[in-house]
Each structure stands twice: as C-alpha cells, then as structure tokens.
Amino acid sequence: LPQVASVTGPEQSADLIADGGRIAL
C-alpha cells in the first residue's frame, strides 16, 4: 500500500506470536 512505510510481523519477530501461534500481531 502507498500509505504504508514498513510492516513488522511474526516472521520478523517471535514476540508478535501468542497463545501457541493462534494469535499474531
């Protein structure tokens, strides 16, 4: 998207995963 500068997800940081992988940020 042109409005977005950067994206950080579970692939970049394991801290963004919870509940055994059923929740991600």
mmCIF file of all heavy atoms, coordinates in Angstrom:
data_MODEL
# 
_entry.id   MODEL 
# 
loop_
_atom_site.group_PDB 
_atom_site.id 
_atom_site.type_symbol 
_atom_site.label_atom_id 
_atom_site.label_alt_id 
_atom_site.label_comp_id 
_atom_site.label_asym_id 
_atom_site.label_entity_id 
_atom_site.label_seq_id 
_atom_site.pdbx_PDB_ins_code 
_atom_site.Cartn_x 
_atom_site.Cartn_y 
_atom_site.Cartn_z 
_atom_site.occupancy 
_atom_site.B_iso_or_equiv 
_atom_site.pdbx_formal_charge 
_atom_site.auth_seq_id 
_atom_site.auth_comp_id 
_atom_site.auth_asym_id 
_atom_site.auth_atom_id 
_atom_site.pdbx_PDB_model_num 
ATOM 1   N N   . LEU A 1 1  ? 0.833  -1.202  0.000  1.00 0.00 ? 1  LEU A N   1 
ATOM 2   C CA  . LEU A 1 1  ? 0.000  0.000   0.000  1.00 0.00 ? 1  LEU A CA  1 
ATOM 3   C C   . LEU A 1 1  ? 0.871  1.256   0.000  1.00 0.00 ? 1  LEU A C   1 
ATOM 4   O O   . LEU A 1 1  ? 1.882  1.325   0.711  1.00 0.00 ? 1  LEU A O   1 
ATOM 5   C CB  . LEU A 1 1  ? -0.908 0.020   1.235  1.00 0.00 ? 1  LEU A CB  1 
ATOM 6   C CG  . LEU A 1 1  ? -1.995 -1.060  1.304  1.00 0.00 ? 1  LEU A CG  1 
ATOM 7   C CD1 . LEU A 1 1  ? -2.730 -0.988  2.638  1.00 0.00 ? 1  LEU A CD1 1 
ATOM 8   C CD2 . LEU A 1 1  ? -2.992 -0.899  0.149  1.00 0.00 ? 1  LEU A CD2 1 
ATOM 9   N N   . PRO A 1 2  ? 0.504  2.293   -0.741 1.00 0.00 ? 2  PRO A N   1 
ATOM 10  C CA  . PRO A 1 2  ? 1.312  3.528   -0.775 1.00 0.00 ? 2  PRO A CA  1 
ATOM 11  C C   . PRO A 1 2  ? 1.306  4.284   0.554  1.00 0.00 ? 2  PRO A C   1 
ATOM 12  O O   . PRO A 1 2  ? 2.202  5.086   0.810  1.00 0.00 ? 2  PRO A O   1 
ATOM 13  C CB  . PRO A 1 2  ? 0.649  4.353   -1.886 1.00 0.00 ? 2  PRO A CB  1 
ATOM 14  C CG  . PRO A 1 2  ? -0.745 3.809   -1.995 1.00 0.00 ? 2  PRO A CG  1 
ATOM 15  C CD  . PRO A 1 2  ? -0.646 2.362   -1.665 1.00 0.00 ? 2  PRO A CD  1 
ATOM 16  N N   . GLN A 1 3  ? 0.297  4.031   1.400  1.00 0.00 ? 3  GLN A N   1 
ATOM 17  C CA  . GLN A 1 3  ? 0.228  4.727   2.687  1.00 0.00 ? 3  GLN A CA  1 
ATOM 18  C C   . GLN A 1 3  ? 1.143  4.105   3.739  1.00 0.00 ? 3  GLN A C   1 
ATOM 19  O O   . GLN A 1 3  ? 1.310  4.669   4.826  1.00 0.00 ? 3  GLN A O   1 
ATOM 20  C CB  . GLN A 1 3  ? -1.217 4.695   3.239  1.00 0.00 ? 3  GLN A CB  1 
ATOM 21  C CG  . GLN A 1 3  ? -2.244 5.378   2.364  1.00 0.00 ? 3  GLN A CG  1 
ATOM 22  C CD  . GLN A 1 3  ? -2.866 4.437   1.357  1.00 0.00 ? 3  GLN A CD  1 
ATOM 23  O OE1 . GLN A 1 3  ? -2.342 3.334   1.112  1.00 0.00 ? 3  GLN A OE1 1 
ATOM 24  N NE2 . GLN A 1 3  ? -3.975 4.855   0.754  1.00 0.00 ? 3  GLN A NE2 1 
ATOM 25  N N   . VAL A 1 4  ? 1.715  2.953   3.451  1.00 0.00 ? 4  VAL A N   1 
ATOM 26  C CA  . VAL A 1 4  ? 2.481  2.188   4.443  1.00 0.00 ? 4  VAL A CA  1 
ATOM 27  C C   . VAL A 1 4  ? 3.973  2.349   4.196  1.00 0.00 ? 4  VAL A C   1 
ATOM 28  O O   . VAL A 1 4  ? 4.457  2.183   3.070  1.00 0.00 ? 4  VAL A O   1 
ATOM 29  C CB  . VAL A 1 4  ? 2.077  0.698   4.403  1.00 0.00 ? 4  VAL A CB  1 
ATOM 30  C CG1 . VAL A 1 4  ? 2.979  -0.128  5.323  1.00 0.00 ? 4  VAL A CG1 1 
ATOM 31  C CG2 . VAL A 1 4  ? 0.623  0.553   4.802  1.00 0.00 ? 4  VAL A CG2 1 
ATOM 32  N N   . ALA A 1 5  ? 4.712  2.643   5.295  1.00 0.00 ? 5  ALA A N   1 
ATOM 33  C CA  . ALA A 1 5  ? 6.172  2.791   5.205  1.00 0.00 ? 5  ALA A CA  1 
ATOM 34  C C   . ALA A 1 5  ? 6.874  1.475   5.484  1.00 0.00 ? 5  ALA A C   1 
ATOM 35  O O   . ALA A 1 5  ? 7.853  1.126   4.822  1.00 0.00 ? 5  ALA A O   1 
ATOM 36  C CB  . ALA A 1 5  ? 6.646  3.865   6.179  1.00 0.00 ? 5  ALA A CB  1 
ATOM 37  N N   . SER A 1 6  ? 6.400  0.723   6.483  1.00 0.00 ? 6  SER A N   1 
ATOM 38  C CA  . SER A 1 6  ? 7.041  -0.550  6.824  1.00 0.00 ? 6  SER A CA  1 
ATOM 39  C C   . SER A 1 6  ? 6.048  -1.441  7.546  1.00 0.00 ? 6  SER A C   1 
ATOM 40  O O   . SER A 1 6  ? 5.060  -0.973  8.116  1.00 0.00 ? 6  SER A O   1 
ATOM 41  C CB  . SER A 1 6  ? 8.275  -0.321  7.709  1.00 0.00 ? 6  SER A CB  1 
ATOM 42  O OG  . SER A 1 6  ? 7.896  0.235   8.950  1.00 0.00 ? 6  SER A OG  1 
ATOM 43  N N   . VAL A 1 7  ? 6.337  -2.761  7.510  1.00 0.00 ? 7  VAL A N   1 
ATOM 44  C CA  . VAL A 1 7  ? 5.479  -3.755  8.163  1.00 0.00 ? 7  VAL A CA  1 
ATOM 45  C C   . VAL A 1 7  ? 6.363  -4.707  8.954  1.00 0.00 ? 7  VAL A C   1 
ATOM 46  O O   . VAL A 1 7  ? 7.393  -5.187  8.447  1.00 0.00 ? 7  VAL A O   1 
ATOM 47  C CB  . VAL A 1 7  ? 4.640  -4.543  7.129  1.00 0.00 ? 7  VAL A CB  1 
ATOM 48  C CG1 . VAL A 1 7  ? 3.783  -5.595  7.835  1.00 0.00 ? 7  VAL A CG1 1 
ATOM 49  C CG2 . VAL A 1 7  ? 3.768  -3.604  6.306  1.00 0.00 ? 7  VAL A CG2 1 
ATOM 50  N N   . THR A 1 8  ? 5.958  -4.983  10.196 1.00 0.00 ? 8  THR A N   1 
ATOM 51  C CA  . THR A 1 8  ? 6.659  -5.960  11.029 1.00 0.00 ? 8  THR A CA  1 
ATOM 52  C C   . THR A 1 8  ? 5.654  -7.010  11.480 1.00 0.00 ? 8  THR A C   1 
ATOM 53  O O   . THR A 1 8  ? 4.634  -6.673  12.088 1.00 0.00 ? 8  THR A O   1 
ATOM 54  C CB  . THR A 1 8  ? 7.296  -5.289  12.270 1.00 0.00 ? 8  THR A CB  1 
ATOM 55  O OG1 . THR A 1 8  ? 8.158  -4.242  11.834 1.00 0.00 ? 8  THR A OG1 1 
ATOM 56  C CG2 . THR A 1 8  ? 8.081  -6.298  13.081 1.00 0.00 ? 8  THR A CG2 1 
ATOM 57  N N   . GLY A 1 9  ? 5.928  -8.270  11.160 1.00 0.00 ? 9  GLY A N   1 
ATOM 58  C CA  . GLY A 1 9  ? 5.007  -9.336  11.518 1.00 0.00 ? 9  GLY A CA  1 
ATOM 59  C C   . GLY A 1 9  ? 5.686  -10.466 12.259 1.00 0.00 ? 9  GLY A C   1 
ATOM 60  O O   . GLY A 1 9  ? 6.868  -10.360 12.637 1.00 0.00 ? 9  GLY A O   1 
ATOM 61  N N   . PRO A 1 10 ? 4.986  -11.557 12.470 1.00 0.00 ? 10 PRO A N   1 
ATOM 62  C CA  . PRO A 1 10 ? 5.560  -12.704 13.192 1.00 0.00 ? 10 PRO A CA  1 
ATOM 63  C C   . PRO A 1 10 ? 6.818  -13.263 12.538 1.00 0.00 ? 10 PRO A C   1 
ATOM 64  O O   . PRO A 1 10 ? 7.682  -13.816 13.230 1.00 0.00 ? 10 PRO A O   1 
ATOM 65  C CB  . PRO A 1 10 ? 4.424  -13.728 13.177 1.00 0.00 ? 10 PRO A CB  1 
ATOM 66  C CG  . PRO A 1 10 ? 3.179  -12.928 12.964 1.00 0.00 ? 10 PRO A CG  1 
ATOM 67  C CD  . PRO A 1 10 ? 3.583  -11.778 12.111 1.00 0.00 ? 10 PRO A CD  1 
ATOM 68  N N   . GLU A 1 11 ? 6.941  -13.114 11.225 1.00 0.00 ? 11 GLU A N   1 
ATOM 69  C CA  . GLU A 1 11 ? 8.130  -13.626 10.548 1.00 0.00 ? 11 GLU A CA  1 
ATOM 70  C C   . GLU A 1 11 ? 9.380  -12.842 10.937 1.00 0.00 ? 11 GLU A C   1 
ATOM 71  O O   . GLU A 1 11 ? 10.489 -13.376 10.925 1.00 0.00 ? 11 GLU A O   1 
ATOM 72  C CB  . GLU A 1 11 ? 7.937  -13.567 9.031  1.00 0.00 ? 11 GLU A CB  1 
ATOM 73  C CG  . GLU A 1 11 ? 6.822  -14.492 8.525  1.00 0.00 ? 11 GLU A CG  1 
ATOM 74  C CD  . GLU A 1 11 ? 6.665  -14.404 7.020  1.00 0.00 ? 11 GLU A CD  1 
ATOM 75  O OE1 . GLU A 1 11 ? 7.355  -13.549 6.419  1.00 0.00 ? 11 GLU A OE1 1 
ATOM 76  O OE2 . GLU A 1 11 ? 5.866  -15.169 6.460  1.00 0.00 ? 11 GLU A OE2 1 
ATOM 77  N N   . GLN A 1 12 ? 9.202  -11.566 11.308 1.00 0.00 ? 12 GLN A N   1 
ATOM 78  C CA  . GLN A 1 12 ? 10.349 -10.741 11.697 1.00 0.00 ? 12 GLN A CA  1 
ATOM 79  C C   . GLN A 1 12 ? 10.627 -10.784 13.201 1.00 0.00 ? 12 GLN A C   1 
ATOM 80  O O   . GLN A 1 12 ? 11.750 -10.540 13.624 1.00 0.00 ? 12 GLN A O   1 
ATOM 81  C CB  . GLN A 1 12 ? 10.123 -9.278  11.278 1.00 0.00 ? 12 GLN A CB  1 
ATOM 82  C CG  . GLN A 1 12 ? 10.203 -9.024  9.782  1.00 0.00 ? 12 GLN A CG  1 
ATOM 83  C CD  . GLN A 1 12 ? 8.941  -9.449  9.051  1.00 0.00 ? 12 GLN A CD  1 
ATOM 84  O OE1 . GLN A 1 12 ? 7.844  -9.376  9.587  1.00 0.00 ? 12 GLN A OE1 1 
ATOM 85  N NE2 . GLN A 1 12 ? 9.126  -9.941  7.826  1.00 0.00 ? 12 GLN A NE2 1 
ATOM 86  N N   . SER A 1 13 ? 9.595  -11.053 13.995 1.00 0.00 ? 13 SER A N   1 
ATOM 87  C CA  . SER A 1 13 ? 9.776  -11.036 15.454 1.00 0.00 ? 13 SER A CA  1 
ATOM 88  C C   . SER A 1 13 ? 8.900  -12.101 16.096 1.00 0.00 ? 13 SER A C   1 
ATOM 89  O O   . SER A 1 13 ? 7.670  -12.090 15.940 1.00 0.00 ? 13 SER A O   1 
ATOM 90  C CB  . SER A 1 13 ? 9.424  -9.654  16.025 1.00 0.00 ? 13 SER A CB  1 
ATOM 91  O OG  . SER A 1 13 ? 9.475  -9.663  17.426 1.00 0.00 ? 13 SER A OG  1 
ATOM 92  N N   . ALA A 1 14 ? 9.526  -12.992 16.839 1.00 0.00 ? 14 ALA A N   1 
ATOM 93  C CA  . ALA A 1 14 ? 8.772  -14.040 17.537 1.00 0.00 ? 14 ALA A CA  1 
ATOM 94  C C   . ALA A 1 14 ? 7.944  -13.476 18.680 1.00 0.00 ? 14 ALA A C   1 
ATOM 95  O O   . ALA A 1 14 ? 7.016  -14.138 19.172 1.00 0.00 ? 14 ALA A O   1 
ATOM 96  C CB  . ALA A 1 14 ? 9.745  -15.096 18.063 1.00 0.00 ? 14 ALA A CB  1 
ATOM 97  N N   . ASP A 1 15 ? 8.270  -12.260 19.132 1.00 0.00 ? 15 ASP A N   1 
ATOM 98  C CA  . ASP A 1 15 ? 7.497  -11.638 20.218 1.00 0.00 ? 15 ASP A CA  1 
ATOM 99  C C   . ASP A 1 15 ? 6.089  -11.276 19.777 1.00 0.00 ? 15 ASP A C   1 
ATOM 100 O O   . ASP A 1 15 ? 5.252  -10.921 20.625 1.00 0.00 ? 15 ASP A O   1 
ATOM 101 C CB  . ASP A 1 15 ? 8.209  -10.373 20.712 1.00 0.00 ? 15 ASP A CB  1 
ATOM 102 C CG  . ASP A 1 15 ? 9.491  -10.696 21.466 1.00 0.00 ? 15 ASP A CG  1 
ATOM 103 O OD1 . ASP A 1 15 ? 9.591  -11.809 22.011 1.00 0.00 ? 15 ASP A OD1 1 
ATOM 104 O OD2 . ASP A 1 15 ? 10.390 -9.832  21.501 1.00 0.00 ? 15 ASP A OD2 1 
ATOM 105 N N   . LEU A 1 16 ? 5.819  -11.348 18.467 1.00 0.00 ? 16 LEU A N   1 
ATOM 106 C CA  . LEU A 1 16 ? 4.499  -10.973 17.960 1.00 0.00 ? 16 LEU A CA  1 
ATOM 107 C C   . LEU A 1 16 ? 3.599  -12.190 17.778 1.00 0.00 ? 16 LEU A C   1 
ATOM 108 O O   . LEU A 1 16 ? 2.608  -12.129 17.051 1.00 0.00 ? 16 LEU A O   1 
ATOM 109 C CB  . LEU A 1 16 ? 4.656  -10.226 16.624 1.00 0.00 ? 16 LEU A CB  1 
ATOM 110 C CG  . LEU A 1 16 ? 5.465  -8.917  16.696 1.00 0.00 ? 16 LEU A CG  1 
ATOM 111 C CD1 . LEU A 1 16 ? 5.560  -8.266  15.321 1.00 0.00 ? 16 LEU A CD1 1 
ATOM 112 C CD2 . LEU A 1 16 ? 4.833  -7.950  17.701 1.00 0.00 ? 16 LEU A CD2 1 
ATOM 113 N N   . ILE A 1 17 ? 3.934  -13.289 18.451 1.00 0.00 ? 17 ILE A N   1 
ATOM 114 C CA  . ILE A 1 17 ? 3.118  -14.513 18.423 1.00 0.00 ? 17 ILE A CA  1 
ATOM 115 C C   . ILE A 1 17 ? 2.710  -14.854 19.850 1.00 0.00 ? 17 ILE A C   1 
ATOM 116 O O   . ILE A 1 17 ? 3.513  -14.746 20.781 1.00 0.00 ? 17 ILE A O   1 
ATOM 117 C CB  . ILE A 1 17 ? 3.895  -15.686 17.802 1.00 0.00 ? 17 ILE A CB  1 
ATOM 118 C CG1 . ILE A 1 17 ? 4.300  -15.356 16.360 1.00 0.00 ? 17 ILE A CG1 1 
ATOM 119 C CG2 . ILE A 1 17 ? 3.059  -16.964 17.821 1.00 0.00 ? 17 ILE A CG2 1 
ATOM 120 C CD1 . ILE A 1 17 ? 5.176  -16.409 15.722 1.00 0.00 ? 17 ILE A CD1 1 
ATOM 121 N N   . ALA A 1 18 ? 1.462  -15.273 20.031 1.00 0.00 ? 18 ALA A N   1 
ATOM 122 C CA  . ALA A 1 18 ? 0.972  -15.630 21.363 1.00 0.00 ? 18 ALA A CA  1 
ATOM 123 C C   . ALA A 1 18 ? -0.008 -16.786 21.250 1.00 0.00 ? 18 ALA A C   1 
ATOM 124 O O   . ALA A 1 18 ? -0.442 -17.169 20.153 1.00 0.00 ? 18 ALA A O   1 
ATOM 125 C CB  . ALA A 1 18 ? 0.311  -14.421 22.029 1.00 0.00 ? 18 ALA A CB  1 
ATOM 126 N N   . ASP A 1 19 ? -0.342 -17.348 22.410 1.00 0.00 ? 19 ASP A N   1 
ATOM 127 C CA  . ASP A 1 19 ? -1.322 -18.432 22.514 1.00 0.00 ? 19 ASP A CA  1 
ATOM 128 C C   . ASP A 1 19 ? -0.951 -19.608 21.599 1.00 0.00 ? 19 ASP A C   1 
ATOM 129 O O   . ASP A 1 19 ? -1.789 -20.126 20.851 1.00 0.00 ? 19 ASP A O   1 
ATOM 130 C CB  . ASP A 1 19 ? -2.723 -17.909 22.181 1.00 0.00 ? 19 ASP A CB  1 
ATOM 131 C CG  . ASP A 1 19 ? -3.816 -18.906 22.587 1.00 0.00 ? 19 ASP A CG  1 
ATOM 132 O OD1 . ASP A 1 19 ? -3.523 -19.757 23.459 1.00 0.00 ? 19 ASP A OD1 1 
ATOM 133 O OD2 . ASP A 1 19 ? -4.931 -18.814 22.036 1.00 0.00 ? 19 ASP A OD2 1 
ATOM 134 N N   . GLY A 1 20 ? 0.310  -19.999 21.655 1.00 0.00 ? 20 GLY A N   1 
ATOM 135 C CA  . GLY A 1 20 ? 0.751  -21.155 20.878 1.00 0.00 ? 20 GLY A CA  1 
ATOM 136 C C   . GLY A 1 20 ? 0.680  -20.966 19.384 1.00 0.00 ? 20 GLY A C   1 
ATOM 137 O O   . GLY A 1 20 ? 0.548  -21.947 18.643 1.00 0.00 ? 20 GLY A O   1 
ATOM 138 N N   . GLY A 1 21 ? 0.722  -19.727 18.912 1.00 0.00 ? 21 GLY A N   1 
ATOM 139 C CA  . GLY A 1 21 ? 0.678  -19.460 17.480 1.00 0.00 ? 21 GLY A CA  1 
ATOM 140 C C   . GLY A 1 21 ? -0.697 -19.153 16.948 1.00 0.00 ? 21 GLY A C   1 
ATOM 141 O O   . GLY A 1 21 ? -0.843 -18.840 15.762 1.00 0.00 ? 21 GLY A O   1 
ATOM 142 N N   . ARG A 1 22 ? -1.722 -19.241 17.802 1.00 0.00 ? 22 ARG A N   1 
ATOM 143 C CA  . ARG A 1 22 ? -3.086 -18.971 17.329 1.00 0.00 ? 22 ARG A CA  1 
ATOM 144 C C   . ARG A 1 22 ? -3.397 -17.471 17.255 1.00 0.00 ? 22 ARG A C   1 
ATOM 145 O O   . ARG A 1 22 ? -4.411 -17.083 16.674 1.00 0.00 ? 22 ARG A O   1 
ATOM 146 C CB  . ARG A 1 22 ? -4.102 -19.682 18.229 1.00 0.00 ? 22 ARG A CB  1 
ATOM 147 C CG  . ARG A 1 22 ? -4.168 -21.195 18.014 1.00 0.00 ? 22 ARG A CG  1 
ATOM 148 C CD  . ARG A 1 22 ? -5.256 -21.828 18.864 1.00 0.00 ? 22 ARG A CD  1 
ATOM 149 N NE  . ARG A 1 22 ? -4.879 -21.827 20.272 1.00 0.00 ? 22 ARG A NE  1 
ATOM 150 C CZ  . ARG A 1 22 ? -4.192 -22.794 20.868 1.00 0.00 ? 22 ARG A CZ  1 
ATOM 151 N NH1 . ARG A 1 22 ? -3.790 -23.849 20.148 1.00 0.00 ? 22 ARG A NH1 1 
ATOM 152 N NH2 . ARG A 1 22 ? -3.889 -22.747 22.150 1.00 0.00 ? 22 ARG A NH2 1 
ATOM 153 N N   . ILE A 1 23 ? -2.559 -16.652 17.875 1.00 0.00 ? 23 ILE A N   1 
ATOM 154 C CA  . ILE A 1 23 ? -2.732 -15.193 17.833 1.00 0.00 ? 23 ILE A CA  1 
ATOM 155 C C   . ILE A 1 23 ? -1.432 -14.575 17.337 1.00 0.00 ? 23 ILE A C   1 
ATOM 156 O O   . ILE A 1 23 ? -0.342 -14.940 17.790 1.00 0.00 ? 23 ILE A O   1 
ATOM 157 C CB  . ILE A 1 23 ? -3.086 -14.622 19.224 1.00 0.00 ? 23 ILE A CB  1 
ATOM 158 C CG1 . ILE A 1 23 ? -4.386 -15.238 19.752 1.00 0.00 ? 23 ILE A CG1 1 
ATOM 159 C CG2 . ILE A 1 23 ? -3.212 -13.105 19.161 1.00 0.00 ? 23 ILE A CG2 1 
ATOM 160 C CD1 . ILE A 1 23 ? -4.758 -14.780 21.143 1.00 0.00 ? 23 ILE A CD1 1 
ATOM 161 N N   . ALA A 1 24 ? -1.559 -13.655 16.418 1.00 0.00 ? 24 ALA A N   1 
ATOM 162 C CA  . ALA A 1 24 ? -0.383 -12.965 15.883 1.00 0.00 ? 24 ALA A CA  1 
ATOM 163 C C   . ALA A 1 24 ? -0.672 -11.475 15.777 1.00 0.00 ? 24 ALA A C   1 
ATOM 164 O O   . ALA A 1 24 ? -1.833 -11.046 15.640 1.00 0.00 ? 24 ALA A O   1 
ATOM 165 C CB  . ALA A 1 24 ? -0.011 -13.525 14.510 1.00 0.00 ? 24 ALA A CB  1 
ATOM 166 N N   . LEU A 1 25 ? 0.386  -10.704 15.846 1.00 0.00 ? 25 LEU A N   1 
ATOM 167 C CA  . LEU A 1 25 ? 0.262  -9.246  15.755 1.00 0.00 ? 25 LEU A CA  1 
ATOM 168 C C   . LEU A 1 25 ? 1.111  -8.747  14.595 1.00 0.00 ? 25 LEU A C   1 
ATOM 169 O O   . LEU A 1 25 ? 2.278  -9.116  14.459 1.00 0.00 ? 25 LEU A O   1 
ATOM 170 C CB  . LEU A 1 25 ? 0.736  -8.580  17.058 1.00 0.00 ? 25 LEU A CB  1 
ATOM 171 C CG  . LEU A 1 25 ? 0.495  -7.067  17.173 1.00 0.00 ? 25 LEU A CG  1 
ATOM 172 C CD1 . LEU A 1 25 ? -1.000 -6.783  17.301 1.00 0.00 ? 25 LEU A CD1 1 
ATOM 173 C CD2 . LEU A 1 25 ? 1.242  -6.497  18.379 1.00 0.00 ? 25 LEU A CD2 1 
# 
